[in-house]
PDB file of all heavy atoms in Angstrom:
ATOM      1  N   GLN A   1       0.798  -1.209   0.000  1.00  0.00           N
ATOM      2  CA  GLN A   1      -0.008   0.004  -0.015  1.00  0.00           C
ATOM      3  C   GLN A   1       0.858   1.245   0.019  1.00  0.00           C
ATOM      4  O   GLN A   1       0.507   2.247  -0.648  1.00  0.00           O
ATOM      5  CB  GLN A   1      -0.926  -0.004   1.200  1.00  0.00           C
ATOM      6  CG  GLN A   1      -1.835   1.263   1.229  1.00  0.00           C
ATOM      7  CD  GLN A   1      -2.975   1.103   2.280  1.00  0.00           C
ATOM      8  OE1 GLN A   1      -2.944   0.199   3.124  1.00  0.00           O
ATOM      9  NE2 GLN A   1      -3.959   1.957   2.145  1.00  0.00           N
ATOM     10  N   TYR A   2       1.984   1.234   0.713  1.00  0.00           N
ATOM     11  CA  TYR A   2       2.695   2.493   0.974  1.00  0.00           C
ATOM     12  C   TYR A   2       4.046   2.612   0.257  1.00  0.00           C
ATOM     13  O   TYR A   2       4.628   3.732   0.268  1.00  0.00           O
ATOM     14  CB  TYR A   2       2.858   2.716   2.444  1.00  0.00           C
ATOM     15  CG  TYR A   2       1.560   2.894   3.229  1.00  0.00           C
ATOM     16  CD1 TYR A   2       1.233   2.175   4.332  1.00  0.00           C
ATOM     17  CD2 TYR A   2       0.611   3.821   2.712  1.00  0.00           C
ATOM     18  CE1 TYR A   2       0.044   2.420   5.051  1.00  0.00           C
ATOM     19  CE2 TYR A   2      -0.576   4.046   3.332  1.00  0.00           C
ATOM     20  CZ  TYR A   2      -0.868   3.347   4.541  1.00  0.00           C
ATOM     21  OH  TYR A   2      -2.046   3.553   5.170  1.00  0.00           O
ATOM     22  N   LYS A   3       4.597   1.524  -0.267  1.00  0.00           N
ATOM     23  CA  LYS A   3       5.971   1.632  -0.777  1.00  0.00           C
ATOM     24  C   LYS A   3       6.044   2.686  -1.931  1.00  0.00           C
ATOM     25  O   LYS A   3       6.874   3.569  -1.957  1.00  0.00           O
ATOM     26  CB  LYS A   3       6.509   0.257  -1.270  1.00  0.00           C
ATOM     27  CG  LYS A   3       7.910   0.344  -1.826  1.00  0.00           C
ATOM     28  CD  LYS A   3       8.369  -1.010  -2.354  1.00  0.00           C
ATOM     29  CE  LYS A   3       9.761  -0.793  -2.932  1.00  0.00           C
ATOM     30  NZ  LYS A   3      10.250  -2.092  -3.495  1.00  0.00           N
ATOM     31  N   GLU A   4       5.150   2.513  -2.920  1.00  0.00           N
ATOM     32  CA  GLU A   4       5.216   3.425  -4.130  1.00  0.00           C
ATOM     33  C   GLU A   4       5.036   4.849  -3.785  1.00  0.00           C
ATOM     34  O   GLU A   4       5.900   5.666  -4.176  1.00  0.00           O
ATOM     35  CB  GLU A   4       4.188   2.941  -5.148  1.00  0.00           C
ATOM     36  CG  GLU A   4       4.343   3.691  -6.471  1.00  0.00           C
ATOM     37  CD  GLU A   4       3.399   3.114  -7.518  1.00  0.00           C
ATOM     38  OE1 GLU A   4       2.962   1.946  -7.413  1.00  0.00           O
ATOM     39  OE2 GLU A   4       3.060   3.889  -8.487  1.00  0.00           O
ATOM     40  N   PRO A   5       3.965   5.289  -3.023  1.00  0.00           N
ATOM     41  CA  PRO A   5       3.908   6.690  -2.696  1.00  0.00           C
ATOM     42  C   PRO A   5       5.044   7.189  -1.806  1.00  0.00           C
ATOM     43  O   PRO A   5       5.454   8.337  -1.912  1.00  0.00           O
ATOM     44  CB  PRO A   5       2.606   6.782  -1.968  1.00  0.00           C
ATOM     45  CG  PRO A   5       2.211   5.403  -1.552  1.00  0.00           C
ATOM     46  CD  PRO A   5       2.822   4.489  -2.588  1.00  0.00           C
ATOM     47  N   LEU A   6       5.611   6.271  -0.965  1.00  0.00           N
ATOM     48  CA  LEU A   6       6.676   6.660  -0.101  1.00  0.00           C
ATOM     49  C   LEU A   6       7.981   6.944  -0.932  1.00  0.00           C
ATOM     50  O   LEU A   6       8.683   7.961  -0.701  1.00  0.00           O
ATOM     51  CB  LEU A   6       6.965   5.627   0.930  1.00  0.00           C
ATOM     52  CG  LEU A   6       7.774   5.985   2.151  1.00  0.00           C
ATOM     53  CD1 LEU A   6       7.231   7.233   2.826  1.00  0.00           C
ATOM     54  CD2 LEU A   6       7.941   4.871   3.117  1.00  0.00           C
ATOM     55  N   VAL A   7       8.226   6.049  -1.898  1.00  0.00           N
ATOM     56  CA  VAL A   7       9.376   6.291  -2.792  1.00  0.00           C
ATOM     57  C   VAL A   7       9.172   7.586  -3.574  1.00  0.00           C
ATOM     58  O   VAL A   7      10.151   8.383  -3.762  1.00  0.00           O
ATOM     59  CB  VAL A   7       9.523   5.090  -3.810  1.00  0.00           C
ATOM     60  CG1 VAL A   7      10.585   5.495  -4.856  1.00  0.00           C
ATOM     61  CG2 VAL A   7       9.986   3.869  -3.044  1.00  0.00           C
ATOM     62  N   HIS A   8       7.966   7.855  -3.994  1.00  0.00           N
ATOM     63  CA  HIS A   8       7.690   9.097  -4.737  1.00  0.00           C
ATOM     64  C   HIS A   8       8.007  10.283  -3.877  1.00  0.00           C
ATOM     65  O   HIS A   8       8.671  11.260  -4.364  1.00  0.00           O
ATOM     66  CB  HIS A   8       6.233   9.112  -5.197  1.00  0.00           C
ATOM     67  CG  HIS A   8       5.881  10.372  -5.919  1.00  0.00           C
ATOM     68  ND1 HIS A   8       5.331  11.484  -5.289  1.00  0.00           N
ATOM     69  CD2 HIS A   8       5.913  10.665  -7.270  1.00  0.00           C
ATOM     70  CE1 HIS A   8       5.093  12.429  -6.168  1.00  0.00           C
ATOM     71  NE2 HIS A   8       5.397  11.950  -7.387  1.00  0.00           N
ATOM     72  N   ASP A   9       7.558  10.286  -2.641  1.00  0.00           N
ATOM     73  CA  ASP A   9       7.796  11.447  -1.758  1.00  0.00           C
ATOM     74  C   ASP A   9       9.282  11.561  -1.445  1.00  0.00           C
ATOM     75  O   ASP A   9       9.786  12.714  -1.278  1.00  0.00           O
ATOM     76  CB  ASP A   9       6.996  11.293  -0.472  1.00  0.00           C
ATOM     77  CG  ASP A   9       5.492  11.580  -0.683  1.00  0.00           C
ATOM     78  OD1 ASP A   9       5.126  11.934  -1.868  1.00  0.00           O
ATOM     79  OD2 ASP A   9       4.705  11.501   0.269  1.00  0.00           O
ATOM     80  N   MET A  10       9.979  10.451  -1.222  1.00  0.00           N
ATOM     81  CA  MET A  10      11.380  10.516  -0.824  1.00  0.00           C
ATOM     82  C   MET A  10      12.259  11.058  -1.991  1.00  0.00           C
ATOM     83  O   MET A  10      13.366  11.510  -1.686  1.00  0.00           O
ATOM     84  CB  MET A  10      11.881   9.088  -0.406  1.00  0.00           C
ATOM     85  CG  MET A  10      11.463   8.712   0.973  1.00  0.00           C
ATOM     86  SD  MET A  10      12.117   9.796   2.291  1.00  0.00           S
ATOM     87  CE  MET A  10      10.618  10.741   2.675  1.00  0.00           C
ATOM     88  N   GLN A  11      11.781  10.935  -3.192  1.00  0.00           N
ATOM     89  CA  GLN A  11      12.630  11.444  -4.344  1.00  0.00           C
ATOM     90  C   GLN A  11      12.810  12.999  -4.206  1.00  0.00           C
ATOM     91  O   GLN A  11      13.789  13.488  -4.765  1.00  0.00           O
ATOM     92  CB  GLN A  11      11.991  11.088  -5.608  1.00  0.00           C
ATOM     93  CG  GLN A  11      12.061   9.638  -5.989  1.00  0.00           C
ATOM     94  CD  GLN A  11      11.411   9.237  -7.291  1.00  0.00           C
ATOM     95  OE1 GLN A  11      10.744  10.022  -7.933  1.00  0.00           O
ATOM     96  NE2 GLN A  11      11.571   7.939  -7.654  1.00  0.00           N
ATOM     97  N   GLY A  12      11.950  13.640  -3.447  1.00  0.00           N
ATOM     98  CA  GLY A  12      12.128  15.081  -3.233  1.00  0.00           C
ATOM     99  C   GLY A  12      13.249  15.348  -2.270  1.00  0.00           C
ATOM    100  O   GLY A  12      13.700  16.505  -2.188  1.00  0.00           O
ATOM    101  N   HIS A  13      13.676  14.328  -1.526  1.00  0.00           N
ATOM    102  CA  HIS A  13      14.710  14.560  -0.497  1.00  0.00           C
ATOM    103  C   HIS A  13      16.036  13.854  -0.926  1.00  0.00           C
ATOM    104  O   HIS A  13      17.051  14.040  -0.268  1.00  0.00           O
ATOM    105  CB  HIS A  13      14.292  13.988   0.837  1.00  0.00           C
ATOM    106  CG  HIS A  13      13.020  14.570   1.353  1.00  0.00           C
ATOM    107  ND1 HIS A  13      12.963  15.849   1.928  1.00  0.00           N
ATOM    108  CD2 HIS A  13      11.751  14.081   1.319  1.00  0.00           C
ATOM    109  CE1 HIS A  13      11.711  16.050   2.234  1.00  0.00           C
ATOM    110  NE2 HIS A  13      10.946  15.034   1.888  1.00  0.00           N
ATOM    111  N   ALA A  14      15.971  12.944  -1.945  1.00  0.00           N
ATOM    112  CA  ALA A  14      17.122  12.156  -2.306  1.00  0.00           C
ATOM    113  C   ALA A  14      17.871  12.747  -3.489  1.00  0.00           C
ATOM    114  O   ALA A  14      17.365  13.625  -4.158  1.00  0.00           O
ATOM    115  CB  ALA A  14      16.674  10.759  -2.672  1.00  0.00           C
ATOM    116  N   ARG A  15      19.069  12.273  -3.702  1.00  0.00           N
ATOM    117  CA  ARG A  15      19.866  12.726  -4.805  1.00  0.00           C
ATOM    118  C   ARG A  15      19.591  11.981  -6.098  1.00  0.00           C
ATOM    119  O   ARG A  15      19.954  12.464  -7.206  1.00  0.00           O
ATOM    120  CB  ARG A  15      21.365  12.658  -4.457  1.00  0.00           C
ATOM    121  CG  ARG A  15      21.833  13.681  -3.391  1.00  0.00           C
ATOM    122  CD  ARG A  15      23.261  13.480  -2.959  1.00  0.00           C
ATOM    123  NE  ARG A  15      23.450  12.260  -2.255  1.00  0.00           N
ATOM    124  CZ  ARG A  15      24.582  11.884  -1.655  1.00  0.00           C
ATOM    125  NH1 ARG A  15      25.645  12.693  -1.738  1.00  0.00           N
ATOM    126  NH2 ARG A  15      24.667  10.754  -1.011  1.00  0.00           N
ATOM    127  N   ASN A  16      18.991  10.790  -5.969  1.00  0.00           N
ATOM    128  CA  ASN A  16      18.658  10.046  -7.169  1.00  0.00           C
ATOM    129  C   ASN A  16      17.619   9.016  -6.819  1.00  0.00           C
ATOM    130  O   ASN A  16      17.290   8.822  -5.609  1.00  0.00           O
ATOM    131  CB  ASN A  16      19.876   9.311  -7.805  1.00  0.00           C
ATOM    132  CG  ASN A  16      20.668   8.537  -6.761  1.00  0.00           C
ATOM    133  OD1 ASN A  16      20.123   7.596  -6.100  1.00  0.00           O
ATOM    134  ND2 ASN A  16      21.954   8.824  -6.590  1.00  0.00           N
ATOM    135  N   ALA A  17      17.055   8.322  -7.792  1.00  0.00           N
ATOM    136  CA  ALA A  17      15.949   7.386  -7.525  1.00  0.00           C
ATOM    137  C   ALA A  17      16.416   6.181  -6.684  1.00  0.00           C
ATOM    138  O   ALA A  17      15.658   5.658  -5.826  1.00  0.00           O
ATOM    139  CB  ALA A  17      15.344   6.895  -8.871  1.00  0.00           C
ATOM    140  N   ASP A  18      17.646   5.681  -6.957  1.00  0.00           N
ATOM    141  CA  ASP A  18      18.142   4.545  -6.172  1.00  0.00           C
ATOM    142  C   ASP A  18      18.253   4.888  -4.706  1.00  0.00           C
ATOM    143  O   ASP A  18      17.928   4.073  -3.841  1.00  0.00           O
ATOM    144  CB  ASP A  18      19.537   4.103  -6.680  1.00  0.00           C
ATOM    145  CG  ASP A  18      19.437   3.289  -7.974  1.00  0.00           C
ATOM    146  OD1 ASP A  18      18.414   2.596  -8.135  1.00  0.00           O
ATOM    147  OD2 ASP A  18      20.336   3.338  -8.757  1.00  0.00           O
ATOM    148  N   GLU A  19      18.718   6.092  -4.443  1.00  0.00           N
ATOM    149  CA  GLU A  19      18.852   6.508  -3.051  1.00  0.00           C
ATOM    150  C   GLU A  19      17.471   6.609  -2.361  1.00  0.00           C
ATOM    151  O   GLU A  19      17.305   6.167  -1.218  1.00  0.00           O
ATOM    152  CB  GLU A  19      19.532   7.925  -2.970  1.00  0.00           C
ATOM    153  CG  GLU A  19      19.814   8.359  -1.558  1.00  0.00           C
ATOM    154  CD  GLU A  19      20.519   9.702  -1.503  1.00  0.00           C
ATOM    155  OE1 GLU A  19      19.815  10.705  -1.744  1.00  0.00           O
ATOM    156  OE2 GLU A  19      21.757   9.703  -1.300  1.00  0.00           O
ATOM    157  N   ALA A  20      16.470   7.089  -3.053  1.00  0.00           N
ATOM    158  CA  ALA A  20      15.080   7.112  -2.506  1.00  0.00           C
ATOM    159  C   ALA A  20      14.552   5.751  -2.228  1.00  0.00           C
ATOM    160  O   ALA A  20      13.966   5.451  -1.137  1.00  0.00           O
ATOM    161  CB  ALA A  20      14.188   7.893  -3.476  1.00  0.00           C
ATOM    162  N   GLU A  21      14.760   4.788  -3.185  1.00  0.00           N
ATOM    163  CA  GLU A  21      14.240   3.485  -2.992  1.00  0.00           C
ATOM    164  C   GLU A  21      14.966   2.756  -1.874  1.00  0.00           C
ATOM    165  O   GLU A  21      14.348   2.069  -1.059  1.00  0.00           O
ATOM    166  CB  GLU A  21      14.462   2.672  -4.314  1.00  0.00           C
ATOM    167  CG  GLU A  21      13.836   1.267  -4.224  1.00  0.00           C
ATOM    168  CD  GLU A  21      13.887   0.521  -5.496  1.00  0.00           C
ATOM    169  OE1 GLU A  21      14.031   1.159  -6.575  1.00  0.00           O
ATOM    170  OE2 GLU A  21      13.888  -0.677  -5.477  1.00  0.00           O
ATOM    171  N   ASP A  22      16.241   2.959  -1.779  1.00  0.00           N
ATOM    172  CA  ASP A  22      17.051   2.324  -0.652  1.00  0.00           C
ATOM    173  C   ASP A  22      16.620   2.955   0.661  1.00  0.00           C
ATOM    174  O   ASP A  22      16.562   2.185   1.687  1.00  0.00           O
ATOM    175  CB  ASP A  22      18.489   2.453  -0.886  1.00  0.00           C
ATOM    176  CG  ASP A  22      19.001   1.573  -2.028  1.00  0.00           C
ATOM    177  OD1 ASP A  22      18.341   0.587  -2.368  1.00  0.00           O
ATOM    178  OD2 ASP A  22      20.088   1.860  -2.565  1.00  0.00           O
ATOM    179  N   ALA A  23      16.359   4.226   0.789  1.00  0.00           N
ATOM    180  CA  ALA A  23      15.921   4.823   2.006  1.00  0.00           C
ATOM    181  C   ALA A  23      14.583   4.239   2.437  1.00  0.00           C
ATOM    182  O   ALA A  23      14.374   3.950   3.615  1.00  0.00           O
ATOM    183  CB  ALA A  23      15.807   6.312   1.858  1.00  0.00           C
ATOM    184  N   VAL A  24      13.665   4.058   1.480  1.00  0.00           N
ATOM    185  CA  VAL A  24      12.364   3.477   1.788  1.00  0.00           C
ATOM    186  C   VAL A  24      12.470   2.047   2.254  1.00  0.00           C
ATOM    187  O   VAL A  24      11.814   1.578   3.188  1.00  0.00           O
ATOM    188  CB  VAL A  24      11.430   3.579   0.590  1.00  0.00           C
ATOM    189  CG1 VAL A  24      10.128   2.828   0.785  1.00  0.00           C
ATOM    190  CG2 VAL A  24      11.095   5.089   0.331  1.00  0.00           C
ATOM    191  N   SER A  25      13.329   1.278   1.506  1.00  0.00           N
ATOM    192  CA  SER A  25      13.488  -0.143   1.934  1.00  0.00           C
ATOM    193  C   SER A  25      14.042  -0.274   3.311  1.00  0.00           C
ATOM    194  O   SER A  25      13.630  -1.053   4.134  1.00  0.00           O
ATOM    195  CB  SER A  25      14.407  -0.842   0.970  1.00  0.00           C
ATOM    196  OG  SER A  25      13.881  -0.837  -0.395  1.00  0.00           O
ATOM    197  N   ALA A  26      15.052   0.589   3.658  1.00  0.00           N
ATOM    198  CA  ALA A  26      15.604   0.591   5.023  1.00  0.00           C
ATOM    199  C   ALA A  26      14.551   1.053   6.018  1.00  0.00           C
ATOM    200  O   ALA A  26      14.486   0.561   7.093  1.00  0.00           O
ATOM    201  CB  ALA A  26      16.834   1.570   5.050  1.00  0.00           C
ATOM    202  N   ALA A  27      13.673   1.973   5.582  1.00  0.00           N
ATOM    203  CA  ALA A  27      12.637   2.458   6.519  1.00  0.00           C
ATOM    204  C   ALA A  27      11.648   1.312   6.831  1.00  0.00           C
ATOM    205  O   ALA A  27      11.199   1.141   7.994  1.00  0.00           O
ATOM    206  CB  ALA A  27      11.922   3.653   5.922  1.00  0.00           C
ATOM    207  N   PHE A  28      11.284   0.545   5.838  1.00  0.00           N
ATOM    208  CA  PHE A  28      10.391  -0.576   6.073  1.00  0.00           C
ATOM    209  C   PHE A  28      11.045  -1.616   6.976  1.00  0.00           C
ATOM    210  O   PHE A  28      10.387  -2.213   7.805  1.00  0.00           O
ATOM    211  CB  PHE A  28       9.934  -1.251   4.754  1.00  0.00           C
ATOM    212  CG  PHE A  28       8.713  -0.628   4.161  1.00  0.00           C
ATOM    213  CD1 PHE A  28       8.765   0.116   2.976  1.00  0.00           C
ATOM    214  CD2 PHE A  28       7.481  -0.775   4.748  1.00  0.00           C
ATOM    215  CE1 PHE A  28       7.665   0.734   2.424  1.00  0.00           C
ATOM    216  CE2 PHE A  28       6.355  -0.186   4.196  1.00  0.00           C
ATOM    217  CZ  PHE A  28       6.445   0.557   3.052  1.00  0.00           C
ATOM    218  N   LEU A  29      12.316  -1.880   6.799  1.00  0.00           N
ATOM    219  CA  LEU A  29      13.022  -2.832   7.673  1.00  0.00           C
ATOM    220  C   LEU A  29      13.029  -2.283   9.122  1.00  0.00           C
ATOM    221  O   LEU A  29      12.722  -3.008  10.073  1.00  0.00           O
ATOM    222  CB  LEU A  29      14.428  -2.993   7.178  1.00  0.00           C
ATOM    223  CG  LEU A  29      15.390  -3.914   8.043  1.00  0.00           C
ATOM    224  CD1 LEU A  29      14.740  -5.251   8.205  1.00  0.00           C
ATOM    225  CD2 LEU A  29      16.753  -3.994   7.482  1.00  0.00           C
ATOM    226  N   THR A  30      13.312  -1.001   9.262  1.00  0.00           N
ATOM    227  CA  THR A  30      13.297  -0.405  10.634  1.00  0.00           C
ATOM    228  C   THR A  30      11.918  -0.460  11.215  1.00  0.00           C
ATOM    229  O   THR A  30      11.733  -0.708  12.399  1.00  0.00           O
ATOM    230  CB  THR A  30      13.783   1.088  10.547  1.00  0.00           C
ATOM    231  OG1 THR A  30      15.137   1.131  10.004  1.00  0.00           O
ATOM    232  CG2 THR A  30      13.753   1.755  11.940  1.00  0.00           C
ATOM    233  N   ALA A  31      10.852  -0.114  10.399  1.00  0.00           N
ATOM    234  CA  ALA A  31       9.504  -0.183  10.845  1.00  0.00           C
ATOM    235  C   ALA A  31       9.106  -1.579  11.307  1.00  0.00           C
ATOM    236  O   ALA A  31       8.447  -1.720  12.352  1.00  0.00           O
ATOM    237  CB  ALA A  31       8.576   0.286   9.727  1.00  0.00           C
ATOM    238  N   PHE A  32       9.553  -2.565  10.553  1.00  0.00           N
ATOM    239  CA  PHE A  32       9.227  -3.937  11.018  1.00  0.00           C
ATOM    240  C   PHE A  32       9.858  -4.277  12.291  1.00  0.00           C
ATOM    241  O   PHE A  32       9.252  -4.930  13.210  1.00  0.00           O
ATOM    242  CB  PHE A  32       9.685  -4.936   9.923  1.00  0.00           C
ATOM    243  CG  PHE A  32       9.340  -6.354  10.177  1.00  0.00           C
ATOM    244  CD1 PHE A  32       8.046  -6.810  10.015  1.00  0.00           C
ATOM    245  CD2 PHE A  32      10.304  -7.270  10.637  1.00  0.00           C
ATOM    246  CE1 PHE A  32       7.696  -8.127  10.312  1.00  0.00           C
ATOM    247  CE2 PHE A  32       9.941  -8.576  10.925  1.00  0.00           C
ATOM    248  CZ  PHE A  32       8.607  -9.008  10.724  1.00  0.00           C
ATOM    249  N   GLN A  33      11.108  -3.821  12.495  1.00  0.00           N
ATOM    250  CA  GLN A  33      11.836  -4.116  13.754  1.00  0.00           C
ATOM    251  C   GLN A  33      11.189  -3.337  14.949  1.00  0.00           C
ATOM    252  O   GLN A  33      11.344  -3.814  16.073  1.00  0.00           O
ATOM    253  CB  GLN A  33      13.322  -3.756  13.577  1.00  0.00           C
ATOM    254  CG  GLN A  33      14.027  -4.646  12.599  1.00  0.00           C
ATOM    255  CD  GLN A  33      15.457  -4.083  12.214  1.00  0.00           C
ATOM    256  OE1 GLN A  33      15.684  -2.928  12.365  1.00  0.00           O
ATOM    257  NE2 GLN A  33      16.305  -4.969  11.795  1.00  0.00           N
ATOM    258  N   LYS A  34      10.586  -2.189  14.673  1.00  0.00           N
ATOM    259  CA  LYS A  34      10.029  -1.400  15.707  1.00  0.00           C
ATOM    260  C   LYS A  34       8.517  -1.322  15.684  1.00  0.00           C
ATOM    261  O   LYS A  34       7.887  -0.442  16.194  1.00  0.00           O
ATOM    262  CB  LYS A  34      10.566   0.037  15.621  1.00  0.00           C
ATOM    263  CG  LYS A  34      12.093   0.136  15.725  1.00  0.00           C
ATOM    264  CD  LYS A  34      12.574   1.579  15.633  1.00  0.00           C
ATOM    265  CE  LYS A  34      14.062   1.709  15.840  1.00  0.00           C
ATOM    266  NZ  LYS A  34      14.521   3.093  15.735  1.00  0.00           N
ATOM    267  N   LEU A  35       7.897  -2.423  15.155  1.00  0.00           N
ATOM    268  CA  LEU A  35       6.432  -2.382  14.889  1.00  0.00           C
ATOM    269  C   LEU A  35       5.679  -2.255  16.187  1.00  0.00           C
ATOM    270  O   LEU A  35       4.544  -1.704  16.217  1.00  0.00           O
ATOM    271  CB  LEU A  35       6.067  -3.671  14.184  1.00  0.00           C
ATOM    272  CG  LEU A  35       4.774  -3.658  13.374  1.00  0.00           C
ATOM    273  CD1 LEU A  35       4.754  -2.542  12.368  1.00  0.00           C
ATOM    274  CD2 LEU A  35       4.617  -5.013  12.606  1.00  0.00           C
ATOM    275  N   ALA A  36       6.199  -2.714  17.312  1.00  0.00           N
ATOM    276  CA  ALA A  36       5.501  -2.620  18.592  1.00  0.00           C
ATOM    277  C   ALA A  36       5.362  -1.159  18.985  1.00  0.00           C
ATOM    278  O   ALA A  36       4.462  -0.851  19.809  1.00  0.00           O
ATOM    279  CB  ALA A  36       6.237  -3.408  19.647  1.00  0.00           C
ATOM    280  N   ASN A  37       6.152  -0.293  18.395  1.00  0.00           N
ATOM    281  CA  ASN A  37       6.068   1.145  18.776  1.00  0.00           C
ATOM    282  C   ASN A  37       4.962   1.834  18.087  1.00  0.00           C
ATOM    283  O   ASN A  37       4.606   3.004  18.389  1.00  0.00           O
ATOM    284  CB  ASN A  37       7.368   1.846  18.449  1.00  0.00           C
ATOM    285  CG  ASN A  37       8.543   1.380  19.288  1.00  0.00           C
ATOM    286  OD1 ASN A  37       8.322   0.803  20.345  1.00  0.00           O
ATOM    287  ND2 ASN A  37       9.756   1.536  18.784  1.00  0.00           N
ATOM    288  N   PHE A  38       4.360   1.238  16.993  1.00  0.00           N
ATOM    289  CA  PHE A  38       3.309   1.871  16.258  1.00  0.00           C
ATOM    290  C   PHE A  38       1.966   1.657  17.006  1.00  0.00           C
ATOM    291  O   PHE A  38       1.488   0.521  17.113  1.00  0.00           O
ATOM    292  CB  PHE A  38       3.181   1.320  14.870  1.00  0.00           C
ATOM    293  CG  PHE A  38       2.026   1.898  14.098  1.00  0.00           C
ATOM    294  CD1 PHE A  38       1.994   3.235  13.771  1.00  0.00           C
ATOM    295  CD2 PHE A  38       0.956   1.116  13.711  1.00  0.00           C
ATOM    296  CE1 PHE A  38       0.915   3.812  13.028  1.00  0.00           C
ATOM    297  CE2 PHE A  38      -0.119   1.608  13.013  1.00  0.00           C
ATOM    298  CZ  PHE A  38      -0.132   2.967  12.672  1.00  0.00           C
ATOM    299  N   ARG A  39       1.388   2.718  17.542  1.00  0.00           N
ATOM    300  CA  ARG A  39       0.191   2.615  18.371  1.00  0.00           C
ATOM    301  C   ARG A  39      -0.943   3.486  17.760  1.00  0.00           C
ATOM    302  O   ARG A  39      -1.918   3.701  18.472  1.00  0.00           O
ATOM    303  CB  ARG A  39       0.453   3.005  19.780  1.00  0.00           C
ATOM    304  CG  ARG A  39       1.613   2.154  20.417  1.00  0.00           C
ATOM    305  CD  ARG A  39       1.789   2.472  21.869  1.00  0.00           C
ATOM    306  NE  ARG A  39       3.016   1.791  22.379  1.00  0.00           N
ATOM    307  CZ  ARG A  39       3.005   0.499  22.780  1.00  0.00           C
ATOM    308  NH1 ARG A  39       1.930  -0.182  22.650  1.00  0.00           N
ATOM    309  NH2 ARG A  39       4.106  -0.016  23.222  1.00  0.00           N
ATOM    310  N   GLY A  40      -0.815   3.907  16.557  1.00  0.00           N
ATOM    311  CA  GLY A  40      -1.897   4.649  15.923  1.00  0.00           C
ATOM    312  C   GLY A  40      -2.010   6.079  16.270  1.00  0.00           C
ATOM    313  O   GLY A  40      -3.019   6.729  15.999  1.00  0.00           O
ATOM    314  N   GLN A  41      -0.918   6.695  16.792  1.00  0.00           N
ATOM    315  CA  GLN A  41      -0.965   8.147  17.033  1.00  0.00           C
ATOM    316  C   GLN A  41      -1.130   8.936  15.761  1.00  0.00           C
ATOM    317  O   GLN A  41      -1.581  10.042  15.700  1.00  0.00           O
ATOM    318  CB  GLN A  41       0.239   8.596  17.831  1.00  0.00           C
ATOM    319  CG  GLN A  41       0.528   7.880  19.133  1.00  0.00           C
ATOM    320  CD  GLN A  41       1.470   6.648  18.962  1.00  0.00           C
ATOM    321  OE1 GLN A  41       1.447   6.003  17.942  1.00  0.00           O
ATOM    322  NE2 GLN A  41       2.273   6.391  20.004  1.00  0.00           N
TER     323      GLN A  41
END
């Protein structure tokens, strides 16, 4: 649901498309590791 729009938004902060995609992939990995911290705020 969220990977494609997230990559699109990150391209505004990245130097290239690969950097944006890798940042998003790392973010999903971090999110999975910290999933217990997501409480719907």
